[in-house]
Structure formats: structure tokens, C-alpha cells
Amino acid sequence: MEEKTAVEELKEFANKTNREIDFDDKTYVASGINPRNLVKQHVIISGTTNDEPYFVSYCDMLAIGDNAMYSGFFFPIEFPLSTLIQVRQKNILDKVNPFFKKSEFTTQSKKFDSKVIIVENDERSSGKLFYSQGTQSLLLDIFKLDPRLKFCVNHIDVGIVSELKNKSTLGIYITEQWLLDEAIIKKLYALVGKLKMKIQIGHEVHS
């Protein structure tokens, strides 16, 4: 039996879970510059409710950087478009690297700060995000599902989702591959949904 493509796998997931899906699959025609056919494709899965984040998978073989290929969950956040925040789980290389640089921003939580790297250009917004131990705990639970996952604000351009175009967005995603493990996707829906709700409540408290 012919192996399913990534797009086909995500279409099946959307159908099984009664979620709406938008997808596109194009091929750049081979040329002297690009001697082989290159793909540009995306899958956007909309939630069963308006409160669910968008599950977006994107690939453009002509692009470079994190925006070339990513897969994960995105939702709008009321921060300036200039705000850039990136959080990832510390790995073994961080611990053995003698030139390892600690995060300049800290949350004052030794447990959280010892397990993550935070890079940001907006201390005020970062403080709003990470003030809550509940938010910190949820983020650590998310990272446990897949060590490749990143938590970022405005690092990925998800303008292919019309509802997110020209808005600040928070993303939980991986790069260089797509999320296709159904069990992990379902767990991420639950955890990212809780994270979205907690951040929105926190913003209302601090606004």
C-alpha cells in the first residue's frame, strides 16, 4: 500500500476530529537554478470552537530559516508586533558547553529558569507571560511531549491564516519537520488550550 503524505495524514486527523481544514500543495517546476522539483505546501486546521488555537503546518523548500518549515499551534496575543520572545527547553549541549550563556531574563522561579532558555526583547511583556507558576508548569508539560518544541511570540509569520495576519501571535511549534503523531497532537490541543486560557485571564488581570 502506498505511504500517505503528511498532508493526507493531517486531512485524516481533521476529518476524524470534526475540524475544518484548509490545505494547499504546489510544486516549483525544476529549472537550471533548481534542478529538482521543490514543494510549497500548507495545512491549516481550525478548532472545533473559536477558543481553540490554529494548528498550522507549513513548508516552502525555497525559503530559509524557521519560516521555511514549521508545524504547531498558534493564537493571537495582545502584545506589540515588535515583541520577540523565544523559549526552549535546555538540552544536554547547554549543560556541557563551557561557553553556554544563561538567559538574560529570569522569572525568579529556580525550577523553571533551570530548565529553559529565554531570549526576549521586551521584558515587560515577558514578565506578563511568565508571572504565573501555572503558566510555567503548563509550558514544562508541553516541552515534555517533544524536546523539539519551542514557545515563541512573533518568531513565525503565520500570515497564511487570515485571522492571524498582521497580529502578534504566540506559537508552540517545531521546525524542519511536521507534527504528525496523533497522540501528541491531541495532548498539545489540550495543553495549548489551557495555556491560551491562562494567558488571556492573566492579561485581563494585568490590563
N, C-alpha and C. Protein backbone atom coordinates (compact mmCIF):
# COMPACT_ATOMS: atom_id res chain seq x y z
N MET A 1 0.85 -1.19 0.00
CA MET A 1 0.00 0.00 0.00
C MET A 1 0.89 1.25 0.00
N GLU A 2 0.50 2.25 -0.79
CA GLU A 2 1.29 3.47 -0.91
C GLU A 2 1.25 4.27 0.38
N GLU A 3 2.41 4.76 0.78
CA GLU A 3 2.51 5.51 2.02
C GLU A 3 1.80 6.86 1.89
N LYS A 4 1.11 7.25 2.96
CA LYS A 4 0.38 8.52 2.95
C LYS A 4 1.34 9.69 3.07
N THR A 5 0.98 10.80 2.41
CA THR A 5 1.76 12.02 2.56
C THR A 5 1.40 12.69 3.88
N ALA A 6 2.23 13.65 4.30
CA ALA A 6 1.95 14.39 5.52
C ALA A 6 0.62 15.12 5.43
N VAL A 7 0.35 15.70 4.26
CA VAL A 7 -0.93 16.41 4.07
C VAL A 7 -2.09 15.44 4.22
N GLU A 8 -1.99 14.27 3.65
CA GLU A 8 -3.06 13.27 3.75
C GLU A 8 -3.28 12.83 5.20
N GLU A 9 -2.18 12.67 5.95
CA GLU A 9 -2.32 12.28 7.36
C GLU A 9 -3.05 13.34 8.16
N LEU A 10 -2.74 14.60 7.91
CA LEU A 10 -3.40 15.68 8.65
C LEU A 10 -4.85 15.86 8.21
N LYS A 11 -5.12 15.59 6.94
CA LYS A 11 -6.51 15.63 6.47
C LYS A 11 -7.33 14.56 7.18
N GLU A 12 -6.77 13.38 7.35
CA GLU A 12 -7.47 12.31 8.07
C GLU A 12 -7.74 12.71 9.52
N PHE A 13 -6.73 13.31 10.16
CA PHE A 13 -6.89 13.73 11.55
C PHE A 13 -8.03 14.75 11.66
N ALA A 14 -8.04 15.73 10.76
CA ALA A 14 -9.09 16.76 10.79
C ALA A 14 -10.46 16.14 10.61
N ASN A 15 -10.58 15.22 9.68
CA ASN A 15 -11.87 14.57 9.42
C ASN A 15 -12.33 13.75 10.62
N LYS A 16 -11.39 13.03 11.25
CA LYS A 16 -11.75 12.18 12.39
C LYS A 16 -12.19 13.00 13.60
N THR A 17 -11.63 14.21 13.72
CA THR A 17 -11.93 15.02 14.90
C THR A 17 -12.93 16.15 14.59
N ASN A 18 -13.54 16.09 13.40
CA ASN A 18 -14.58 17.07 13.01
C ASN A 18 -14.07 18.50 13.05
N ARG A 19 -12.83 18.70 12.56
CA ARG A 19 -12.27 20.05 12.49
C ARG A 19 -12.17 20.47 11.02
N GLU A 20 -12.27 21.77 10.81
CA GLU A 20 -12.16 22.30 9.44
C GLU A 20 -10.69 22.34 9.02
N ILE A 21 -10.45 22.11 7.74
CA ILE A 21 -9.08 22.08 7.24
C ILE A 21 -8.98 22.85 5.93
N ASP A 22 -7.91 23.61 5.82
CA ASP A 22 -7.58 24.30 4.58
C ASP A 22 -6.17 23.84 4.20
N PHE A 23 -5.99 23.44 2.97
CA PHE A 23 -4.66 22.97 2.58
C PHE A 23 -4.36 23.35 1.14
N ASP A 24 -3.08 23.43 0.85
CA ASP A 24 -2.63 23.76 -0.49
C ASP A 24 -1.30 23.06 -0.72
N ASP A 25 -1.08 22.61 -1.93
CA ASP A 25 0.12 21.84 -2.25
C ASP A 25 0.57 22.23 -3.65
N LYS A 26 1.69 22.94 -3.74
CA LYS A 26 2.20 23.39 -5.03
C LYS A 26 3.61 22.86 -5.24
N THR A 27 4.02 22.78 -6.49
CA THR A 27 5.37 22.35 -6.82
C THR A 27 6.04 23.38 -7.71
N TYR A 28 7.23 23.81 -7.29
CA TYR A 28 8.02 24.69 -8.15
C TYR A 28 8.59 23.83 -9.28
N VAL A 29 8.39 24.25 -10.50
CA VAL A 29 8.89 23.49 -11.64
C VAL A 29 10.42 23.54 -11.66
N ALA A 30 11.04 22.39 -11.91
CA ALA A 30 12.50 22.31 -11.96
C ALA A 30 13.05 23.25 -13.02
N SER A 31 14.21 23.85 -12.70
CA SER A 31 14.85 24.77 -13.65
C SER A 31 16.36 24.61 -13.51
N GLY A 32 17.10 25.44 -14.23
CA GLY A 32 18.55 25.38 -14.12
C GLY A 32 19.03 25.72 -12.73
N ILE A 33 18.32 26.66 -12.07
CA ILE A 33 18.69 27.04 -10.71
C ILE A 33 18.27 25.96 -9.72
N ASN A 34 17.07 25.41 -9.92
CA ASN A 34 16.55 24.33 -9.07
C ASN A 34 16.35 23.09 -9.93
N PRO A 35 17.37 22.23 -10.01
CA PRO A 35 17.29 21.07 -10.91
C PRO A 35 16.27 20.02 -10.52
N ARG A 36 15.69 20.12 -9.32
CA ARG A 36 14.65 19.16 -8.93
C ARG A 36 13.40 19.92 -8.50
N ASN A 37 12.27 19.24 -8.58
CA ASN A 37 11.01 19.86 -8.18
C ASN A 37 11.01 20.14 -6.68
N LEU A 38 10.63 21.33 -6.30
CA LEU A 38 10.55 21.71 -4.89
C LEU A 38 9.11 22.01 -4.52
N VAL A 39 8.78 21.74 -3.27
CA VAL A 39 7.39 21.80 -2.82
C VAL A 39 7.13 23.04 -1.97
N LYS A 40 5.92 23.57 -2.11
CA LYS A 40 5.42 24.59 -1.20
C LYS A 40 4.02 24.14 -0.79
N GLN A 41 3.81 23.91 0.50
CA GLN A 41 2.52 23.39 0.95
C GLN A 41 2.19 23.88 2.35
N HIS A 42 0.91 23.87 2.64
CA HIS A 42 0.49 24.20 4.00
C HIS A 42 -0.79 23.46 4.35
N VAL A 43 -0.98 23.29 5.64
CA VAL A 43 -2.22 22.73 6.19
C VAL A 43 -2.62 23.61 7.37
N ILE A 44 -3.85 24.10 7.36
CA ILE A 44 -4.38 24.89 8.48
C ILE A 44 -5.61 24.18 9.01
N ILE A 45 -5.55 23.77 10.26
CA ILE A 45 -6.70 23.10 10.89
C ILE A 45 -7.31 24.05 11.92
N SER A 46 -8.57 24.39 11.69
CA SER A 46 -9.28 25.30 12.60
C SER A 46 -9.95 24.50 13.69
N GLY A 47 -10.03 25.08 14.86
CA GLY A 47 -10.57 24.37 16.00
C GLY A 47 -12.06 24.09 15.93
N THR A 48 -12.49 23.17 16.78
CA THR A 48 -13.92 22.85 16.87
C THR A 48 -14.69 23.99 17.52
N THR A 49 -13.98 24.87 18.23
CA THR A 49 -14.60 26.07 18.80
C THR A 49 -13.69 27.26 18.48
N ASN A 50 -14.22 28.46 18.64
CA ASN A 50 -13.42 29.66 18.38
C ASN A 50 -12.29 29.83 19.39
N ASP A 51 -12.37 29.11 20.51
CA ASP A 51 -11.35 29.24 21.55
C ASP A 51 -10.12 28.39 21.26
N GLU A 52 -10.23 27.43 20.34
CA GLU A 52 -9.09 26.58 20.05
C GLU A 52 -8.05 27.30 19.21
N PRO A 53 -6.77 27.02 19.46
CA PRO A 53 -5.72 27.61 18.62
C PRO A 53 -5.74 27.00 17.22
N TYR A 54 -5.09 27.66 16.28
CA TYR A 54 -4.95 27.11 14.94
C TYR A 54 -3.77 26.14 14.92
N PHE A 55 -3.97 25.00 14.28
CA PHE A 55 -2.89 24.05 14.08
C PHE A 55 -2.39 24.24 12.65
N VAL A 56 -1.17 24.76 12.51
CA VAL A 56 -0.65 25.15 11.20
C VAL A 56 0.63 24.39 10.89
N SER A 57 0.69 23.80 9.69
CA SER A 57 1.91 23.16 9.21
C SER A 57 2.25 23.77 7.86
N TYR A 58 3.51 24.16 7.69
CA TYR A 58 3.91 24.92 6.50
C TYR A 58 5.28 24.45 6.03
N CYS A 59 5.45 24.42 4.71
CA CYS A 59 6.74 24.06 4.13
C CYS A 59 6.93 24.83 2.82
N ASP A 60 8.06 25.49 2.69
CA ASP A 60 8.45 26.14 1.44
C ASP A 60 9.92 25.84 1.22
N MET A 61 10.21 24.92 0.29
CA MET A 61 11.58 24.47 0.10
C MET A 61 12.51 25.53 -0.48
N LEU A 62 11.95 26.67 -0.93
CA LEU A 62 12.79 27.75 -1.41
C LEU A 62 13.12 28.76 -0.32
N ALA A 63 12.44 28.65 0.81
CA ALA A 63 12.66 29.59 1.91
C ALA A 63 13.80 29.10 2.81
N ILE A 64 14.22 29.97 3.73
CA ILE A 64 15.27 29.61 4.68
C ILE A 64 14.84 30.01 6.08
N GLY A 65 15.50 29.43 7.08
CA GLY A 65 15.19 29.77 8.47
C GLY A 65 13.97 29.04 8.99
N ASP A 66 13.54 29.42 10.19
CA ASP A 66 12.40 28.76 10.84
C ASP A 66 11.12 28.88 10.04
N ASN A 67 10.97 29.97 9.27
CA ASN A 67 9.75 30.16 8.50
C ASN A 67 9.65 29.24 7.29
N ALA A 68 10.73 28.54 6.97
CA ALA A 68 10.72 27.65 5.80
C ALA A 68 9.90 26.39 6.07
N MET A 69 9.96 25.89 7.29
CA MET A 69 9.22 24.67 7.61
C MET A 69 8.92 24.63 9.11
N TYR A 70 7.65 24.64 9.44
CA TYR A 70 7.26 24.61 10.85
C TYR A 70 5.91 23.91 10.98
N SER A 71 5.60 23.52 12.19
CA SER A 71 4.33 22.83 12.45
C SER A 71 3.99 23.00 13.92
N GLY A 72 2.79 23.53 14.19
CA GLY A 72 2.42 23.70 15.58
C GLY A 72 1.16 24.52 15.76
N PHE A 73 0.99 25.05 16.96
CA PHE A 73 -0.25 25.71 17.37
C PHE A 73 0.00 27.21 17.56
N PHE A 74 -0.94 28.01 17.05
CA PHE A 74 -0.77 29.46 17.07
C PHE A 74 -2.09 30.14 17.46
N PHE A 75 -1.97 31.22 18.22
CA PHE A 75 -3.14 32.03 18.54
C PHE A 75 -2.70 33.48 18.78
N PRO A 76 -3.62 34.43 18.61
CA PRO A 76 -3.26 35.85 18.77
C PRO A 76 -3.02 36.20 20.23
N ILE A 77 -2.13 37.16 20.44
CA ILE A 77 -1.83 37.62 21.80
C ILE A 77 -1.71 39.15 21.74
N GLU A 78 -2.20 39.82 22.77
CA GLU A 78 -2.25 41.29 22.75
C GLU A 78 -0.93 41.90 23.20
N PHE A 79 0.11 41.66 22.38
CA PHE A 79 1.41 42.26 22.60
C PHE A 79 1.77 43.10 21.37
N PRO A 80 2.70 44.04 21.49
CA PRO A 80 3.15 44.78 20.32
C PRO A 80 3.76 43.84 19.27
N LEU A 81 3.60 44.19 18.01
CA LEU A 81 4.19 43.37 16.94
C LEU A 81 5.71 43.33 17.03
N SER A 82 6.30 44.32 17.68
CA SER A 82 7.75 44.37 17.81
C SER A 82 8.28 43.40 18.88
N THR A 83 7.39 42.88 19.72
CA THR A 83 7.81 41.97 20.79
C THR A 83 8.29 40.64 20.22
N LEU A 84 9.48 40.22 20.65
CA LEU A 84 10.02 38.92 20.24
C LEU A 84 10.41 38.16 21.50
N ILE A 85 9.82 36.98 21.66
CA ILE A 85 10.13 36.13 22.81
C ILE A 85 10.31 34.70 22.30
N GLN A 86 11.35 34.05 22.75
CA GLN A 86 11.56 32.66 22.37
C GLN A 86 12.01 31.87 23.59
N VAL A 87 11.34 30.74 23.82
CA VAL A 87 11.67 29.87 24.95
C VAL A 87 11.81 28.45 24.45
N ARG A 88 12.86 27.79 24.87
CA ARG A 88 13.03 26.38 24.55
C ARG A 88 13.57 25.66 25.78
N GLN A 89 13.44 24.36 25.76
CA GLN A 89 13.93 23.54 26.86
C GLN A 89 15.45 23.42 26.77
N LYS A 90 16.12 23.51 27.90
CA LYS A 90 17.55 23.28 27.91
C LYS A 90 17.85 21.84 27.50
N ASN A 91 18.93 21.64 26.78
CA ASN A 91 19.31 20.28 26.39
C ASN A 91 20.69 19.95 26.93
N ILE A 92 21.15 18.75 26.64
CA ILE A 92 22.43 18.28 27.19
C ILE A 92 23.59 19.14 26.70
N LEU A 93 23.48 19.67 25.48
CA LEU A 93 24.56 20.51 24.95
C LEU A 93 24.70 21.80 25.74
N ASP A 94 23.56 22.34 26.19
CA ASP A 94 23.61 23.55 27.01
C ASP A 94 24.37 23.28 28.31
N LYS A 95 24.18 22.09 28.84
CA LYS A 95 24.76 21.77 30.15
C LYS A 95 26.26 21.48 30.08
N VAL A 96 26.74 20.96 28.93
CA VAL A 96 28.16 20.60 28.84
C VAL A 96 28.99 21.67 28.11
N ASN A 97 28.30 22.62 27.47
CA ASN A 97 29.01 23.65 26.70
C ASN A 97 29.65 24.67 27.65
N PRO A 98 31.00 24.77 27.64
CA PRO A 98 31.67 25.72 28.56
C PRO A 98 31.37 27.18 28.21
N PHE A 99 30.90 27.44 26.97
CA PHE A 99 30.58 28.80 26.55
C PHE A 99 29.09 29.10 26.65
N PHE A 100 28.37 28.20 27.30
CA PHE A 100 26.92 28.36 27.42
C PHE A 100 26.58 29.66 28.13
N LYS A 101 25.65 30.40 27.51
CA LYS A 101 25.21 31.68 28.08
C LYS A 101 23.82 31.54 28.68
N LYS A 102 23.66 31.89 29.93
CA LYS A 102 22.36 31.79 30.58
C LYS A 102 21.40 32.84 30.05
N SER A 103 20.11 32.60 30.26
CA SER A 103 19.10 33.56 29.85
C SER A 103 19.33 34.88 30.59
N GLU A 104 19.20 35.99 29.86
CA GLU A 104 19.30 37.30 30.50
C GLU A 104 18.03 37.60 31.29
N PHE A 105 16.90 37.07 30.80
CA PHE A 105 15.63 37.26 31.51
C PHE A 105 15.38 36.06 32.42
N THR A 106 15.02 36.31 33.65
CA THR A 106 14.68 35.23 34.58
C THR A 106 13.32 35.49 35.20
N THR A 107 12.67 34.42 35.62
CA THR A 107 11.33 34.54 36.19
C THR A 107 11.35 34.54 37.71
N GLN A 108 12.53 34.35 38.29
CA GLN A 108 12.70 34.22 39.74
C GLN A 108 12.21 32.87 40.26
N SER A 109 11.83 31.98 39.33
CA SER A 109 11.47 30.61 39.72
C SER A 109 12.65 29.71 39.37
N LYS A 110 13.36 29.22 40.39
CA LYS A 110 14.55 28.41 40.13
C LYS A 110 14.22 27.16 39.33
N LYS A 111 13.08 26.54 39.61
CA LYS A 111 12.70 25.32 38.90
C LYS A 111 12.51 25.59 37.42
N PHE A 112 11.78 26.65 37.08
CA PHE A 112 11.52 26.97 35.69
C PHE A 112 12.78 27.48 34.99
N ASP A 113 13.47 28.42 35.62
CA ASP A 113 14.65 29.01 35.00
C ASP A 113 15.76 28.00 34.76
N SER A 114 15.81 26.95 35.59
CA SER A 114 16.87 25.95 35.44
C SER A 114 16.61 25.01 34.27
N LYS A 115 15.38 25.03 33.73
CA LYS A 115 15.02 24.06 32.69
C LYS A 115 14.82 24.68 31.31
N VAL A 116 14.84 26.02 31.22
CA VAL A 116 14.55 26.65 29.93
C VAL A 116 15.58 27.73 29.60
N ILE A 117 15.63 28.07 28.31
CA ILE A 117 16.38 29.21 27.81
C ILE A 117 15.36 30.23 27.31
N ILE A 118 15.44 31.46 27.78
CA ILE A 118 14.52 32.52 27.36
C ILE A 118 15.32 33.63 26.68
N VAL A 119 14.93 33.94 25.45
CA VAL A 119 15.53 35.07 24.73
C VAL A 119 14.39 36.03 24.40
N GLU A 120 14.54 37.31 24.77
CA GLU A 120 13.43 38.26 24.56
C GLU A 120 13.96 39.67 24.37
N ASN A 121 13.11 40.52 23.79
CA ASN A 121 13.47 41.93 23.63
C ASN A 121 12.46 42.85 24.31
N ASP A 122 11.59 42.24 25.14
CA ASP A 122 10.51 43.01 25.76
C ASP A 122 10.28 42.44 27.17
N GLU A 123 11.02 43.00 28.13
CA GLU A 123 10.97 42.47 29.49
C GLU A 123 9.58 42.60 30.12
N ARG A 124 8.89 43.68 29.79
CA ARG A 124 7.56 43.90 30.36
C ARG A 124 6.58 42.82 29.91
N SER A 125 6.54 42.55 28.60
CA SER A 125 5.65 41.52 28.07
C SER A 125 6.05 40.15 28.58
N SER A 126 7.35 39.89 28.66
CA SER A 126 7.82 38.59 29.15
C SER A 126 7.39 38.39 30.60
N GLY A 127 7.47 39.46 31.38
CA GLY A 127 7.04 39.36 32.77
C GLY A 127 5.56 39.01 32.87
N LYS A 128 4.74 39.62 32.01
CA LYS A 128 3.31 39.31 32.00
C LYS A 128 3.06 37.84 31.66
N LEU A 129 3.85 37.32 30.72
CA LEU A 129 3.65 35.94 30.29
C LEU A 129 4.00 34.94 31.38
N PHE A 130 5.10 35.19 32.07
CA PHE A 130 5.66 34.16 32.94
C PHE A 130 5.47 34.43 34.43
N TYR A 131 4.59 35.40 34.75
CA TYR A 131 4.38 35.71 36.16
C TYR A 131 3.75 34.54 36.92
N SER A 132 2.98 33.72 36.19
CA SER A 132 2.18 32.66 36.83
C SER A 132 2.92 31.33 36.87
N GLN A 133 2.95 30.71 38.03
CA GLN A 133 3.54 29.37 38.15
C GLN A 133 2.73 28.35 37.36
N GLY A 134 1.42 28.62 37.21
CA GLY A 134 0.59 27.73 36.41
C GLY A 134 1.01 27.74 34.96
N THR A 135 1.33 28.93 34.43
CA THR A 135 1.81 29.05 33.05
C THR A 135 3.15 28.34 32.90
N GLN A 136 4.03 28.53 33.86
CA GLN A 136 5.34 27.87 33.83
C GLN A 136 5.18 26.35 33.82
N SER A 137 4.29 25.85 34.67
CA SER A 137 4.07 24.41 34.77
C SER A 137 3.52 23.83 33.47
N LEU A 138 2.55 24.55 32.86
CA LEU A 138 1.99 24.11 31.59
C LEU A 138 3.06 24.06 30.50
N LEU A 139 3.91 25.06 30.49
CA LEU A 139 4.95 25.11 29.46
C LEU A 139 5.94 23.94 29.62
N LEU A 140 6.29 23.63 30.84
CA LEU A 140 7.19 22.48 31.07
C LEU A 140 6.51 21.18 30.67
N ASP A 141 5.22 21.06 30.91
CA ASP A 141 4.48 19.86 30.49
C ASP A 141 4.46 19.75 28.96
N ILE A 142 4.34 20.88 28.28
CA ILE A 142 4.35 20.89 26.82
C ILE A 142 5.71 20.43 26.29
N PHE A 143 6.78 20.95 26.88
CA PHE A 143 8.12 20.59 26.43
C PHE A 143 8.41 19.10 26.64
N LYS A 144 7.78 18.50 27.66
CA LYS A 144 8.00 17.07 27.92
C LYS A 144 7.49 16.20 26.77
N LEU A 145 6.49 16.71 26.03
CA LEU A 145 5.90 15.91 24.95
C LEU A 145 6.87 15.71 23.79
N ASP A 146 7.69 16.72 23.54
CA ASP A 146 8.63 16.65 22.41
C ASP A 146 9.73 17.69 22.65
N PRO A 147 10.98 17.26 22.79
CA PRO A 147 12.07 18.21 23.10
C PRO A 147 12.33 19.22 22.00
N ARG A 148 11.78 19.02 20.81
CA ARG A 148 11.98 19.97 19.71
C ARG A 148 11.06 21.19 19.82
N LEU A 149 10.05 21.12 20.67
CA LEU A 149 9.06 22.18 20.74
C LEU A 149 9.64 23.49 21.25
N LYS A 150 9.19 24.59 20.65
CA LYS A 150 9.57 25.93 21.07
C LYS A 150 8.31 26.72 21.41
N PHE A 151 8.47 27.67 22.30
CA PHE A 151 7.41 28.60 22.67
C PHE A 151 7.89 29.97 22.21
N CYS A 152 7.15 30.61 21.32
CA CYS A 152 7.63 31.87 20.76
C CYS A 152 6.50 32.87 20.55
N VAL A 153 6.87 34.12 20.62
CA VAL A 153 5.97 35.22 20.25
C VAL A 153 6.59 35.94 19.06
N ASN A 154 5.87 35.97 17.96
CA ASN A 154 6.22 36.73 16.75
C ASN A 154 7.50 36.26 16.05
N HIS A 155 7.91 35.01 16.26
CA HIS A 155 9.08 34.50 15.53
C HIS A 155 8.69 33.84 14.21
N ILE A 156 7.42 33.46 14.09
CA ILE A 156 6.95 32.81 12.88
C ILE A 156 5.87 33.69 12.24
N ASP A 157 5.97 33.86 10.93
CA ASP A 157 4.95 34.62 10.19
C ASP A 157 3.85 33.65 9.78
N VAL A 158 2.71 33.73 10.48
CA VAL A 158 1.58 32.85 10.15
C VAL A 158 0.50 33.63 9.42
N GLY A 159 0.94 34.51 8.53
CA GLY A 159 0.00 35.30 7.74
C GLY A 159 -0.84 34.49 6.79
N ILE A 160 -0.48 33.22 6.57
CA ILE A 160 -1.33 32.37 5.72
C ILE A 160 -2.67 32.10 6.39
N VAL A 161 -2.74 32.30 7.71
CA VAL A 161 -4.02 32.22 8.43
C VAL A 161 -4.60 33.63 8.45
N SER A 162 -5.67 33.85 7.70
CA SER A 162 -6.19 35.22 7.54
C SER A 162 -6.53 35.87 8.88
N GLU A 163 -7.03 35.08 9.85
CA GLU A 163 -7.41 35.63 11.15
C GLU A 163 -6.19 36.05 11.98
N LEU A 164 -4.99 35.61 11.60
CA LEU A 164 -3.78 35.94 12.35
C LEU A 164 -2.89 36.94 11.62
N LYS A 165 -3.29 37.31 10.43
CA LYS A 165 -2.46 38.21 9.62
C LYS A 165 -2.33 39.57 10.29
N ASN A 166 -1.10 40.08 10.35
CA ASN A 166 -0.79 41.39 10.94
C ASN A 166 -1.13 41.47 12.42
N LYS A 167 -1.13 40.31 13.10
CA LYS A 167 -1.38 40.30 14.54
C LYS A 167 -0.18 39.66 15.25
N SER A 168 0.04 40.05 16.50
CA SER A 168 1.02 39.34 17.31
C SER A 168 0.49 37.95 17.59
N THR A 169 1.36 36.97 17.46
CA THR A 169 0.92 35.59 17.68
C THR A 169 1.88 34.85 18.60
N LEU A 170 1.29 33.98 19.39
CA LEU A 170 2.07 33.08 20.23
C LEU A 170 2.03 31.71 19.58
N GLY A 171 3.18 31.07 19.50
CA GLY A 171 3.23 29.75 18.87
C GLY A 171 3.93 28.72 19.72
N ILE A 172 3.43 27.49 19.64
CA ILE A 172 4.08 26.31 20.22
C ILE A 172 4.32 25.39 19.03
N TYR A 173 5.56 25.20 18.62
CA TYR A 173 5.78 24.53 17.34
C TYR A 173 7.17 23.89 17.26
N ILE A 174 7.36 23.08 16.22
CA ILE A 174 8.66 22.54 15.88
C ILE A 174 9.04 23.08 14.50
N THR A 175 10.32 23.01 14.16
CA THR A 175 10.78 23.42 12.84
C THR A 175 11.46 22.23 12.16
N GLU A 176 11.59 22.33 10.83
CA GLU A 176 12.28 21.35 9.99
C GLU A 176 11.50 20.05 9.80
N GLN A 177 10.41 19.88 10.50
CA GLN A 177 9.53 18.72 10.34
C GLN A 177 8.10 19.13 10.66
N TRP A 178 7.15 18.23 10.39
CA TRP A 178 5.77 18.47 10.76
C TRP A 178 5.38 17.56 11.92
N LEU A 179 4.47 18.05 12.75
CA LEU A 179 3.88 17.22 13.81
C LEU A 179 2.85 16.30 13.18
N LEU A 180 3.08 15.00 13.28
CA LEU A 180 2.16 14.05 12.66
C LEU A 180 1.68 12.97 13.64
N ASP A 181 2.31 12.89 14.80
CA ASP A 181 1.91 11.89 15.80
C ASP A 181 0.57 12.31 16.41
N GLU A 182 -0.48 11.53 16.12
CA GLU A 182 -1.83 11.90 16.53
C GLU A 182 -1.96 12.03 18.04
N ALA A 183 -1.31 11.14 18.78
CA ALA A 183 -1.41 11.18 20.24
C ALA A 183 -0.80 12.49 20.79
N ILE A 184 0.34 12.89 20.25
CA ILE A 184 0.98 14.12 20.70
C ILE A 184 0.15 15.34 20.29
N ILE A 185 -0.40 15.31 19.07
CA ILE A 185 -1.23 16.44 18.61
C ILE A 185 -2.43 16.63 19.54
N LYS A 186 -3.09 15.54 19.92
CA LYS A 186 -4.25 15.63 20.80
C LYS A 186 -3.86 16.19 22.17
N LYS A 187 -2.71 15.74 22.71
CA LYS A 187 -2.25 16.25 24.00
C LYS A 187 -1.90 17.73 23.91
N LEU A 188 -1.31 18.13 22.78
CA LEU A 188 -0.97 19.55 22.59
C LEU A 188 -2.22 20.40 22.49
N TYR A 189 -3.26 19.89 21.82
CA TYR A 189 -4.52 20.64 21.76
C TYR A 189 -5.00 20.96 23.18
N ALA A 190 -4.94 19.96 24.05
CA ALA A 190 -5.43 20.15 25.42
C ALA A 190 -4.54 21.13 26.20
N LEU A 191 -3.23 20.93 26.14
CA LEU A 191 -2.31 21.76 26.92
C LEU A 191 -2.22 23.19 26.40
N VAL A 192 -2.15 23.34 25.07
CA VAL A 192 -2.07 24.69 24.49
C VAL A 192 -3.39 25.44 24.71
N GLY A 193 -4.49 24.71 24.70
CA GLY A 193 -5.79 25.32 25.01
C GLY A 193 -5.82 25.88 26.42
N LYS A 194 -5.29 25.11 27.38
CA LYS A 194 -5.22 25.59 28.77
C LYS A 194 -4.28 26.79 28.88
N LEU A 195 -3.16 26.73 28.16
CA LEU A 195 -2.20 27.82 28.18
C LEU A 195 -2.81 29.11 27.62
N LYS A 196 -3.53 28.98 26.52
CA LYS A 196 -4.20 30.14 25.90
C LYS A 196 -5.17 30.78 26.88
N MET A 197 -5.95 29.97 27.56
CA MET A 197 -6.94 30.49 28.51
C MET A 197 -6.25 31.18 29.69
N LYS A 198 -5.19 30.57 30.20
CA LYS A 198 -4.48 31.14 31.35
C LYS A 198 -3.82 32.47 30.99
N ILE A 199 -3.24 32.55 29.78
CA ILE A 199 -2.59 33.79 29.35
C ILE A 199 -3.64 34.89 29.15
N GLN A 200 -4.78 34.55 28.59
CA GLN A 200 -5.83 35.55 28.38
C GLN A 200 -6.36 36.07 29.70
N ILE A 201 -6.54 35.18 30.68
CA ILE A 201 -7.00 35.61 32.01
C ILE A 201 -5.94 36.49 32.66
N GLY A 202 -4.67 36.10 32.52
CA GLY A 202 -3.58 36.88 33.09
C GLY A 202 -3.50 38.26 32.49
N HIS A 203 -3.77 38.36 31.19
CA HIS A 203 -3.72 39.66 30.52
C HIS A 203 -4.83 40.57 31.04
N GLU A 204 -6.01 39.99 31.27
CA GLU A 204 -7.14 40.77 31.78
C GLU A 204 -6.84 41.29 33.19
N VAL A 205 -6.15 40.47 33.98
CA VAL A 205 -5.80 40.87 35.34
C VAL A 205 -4.82 42.02 35.34
N HIS A 206 -3.84 41.97 34.36
CA HIS A 206 -2.77 42.96 34.35
C HIS A 206 -3.07 44.18 33.48
N SER A 207 -4.22 44.17 32.77
CA SER A 207 -4.50 45.30 31.86
C SER A 207 -5.28 46.40 32.60
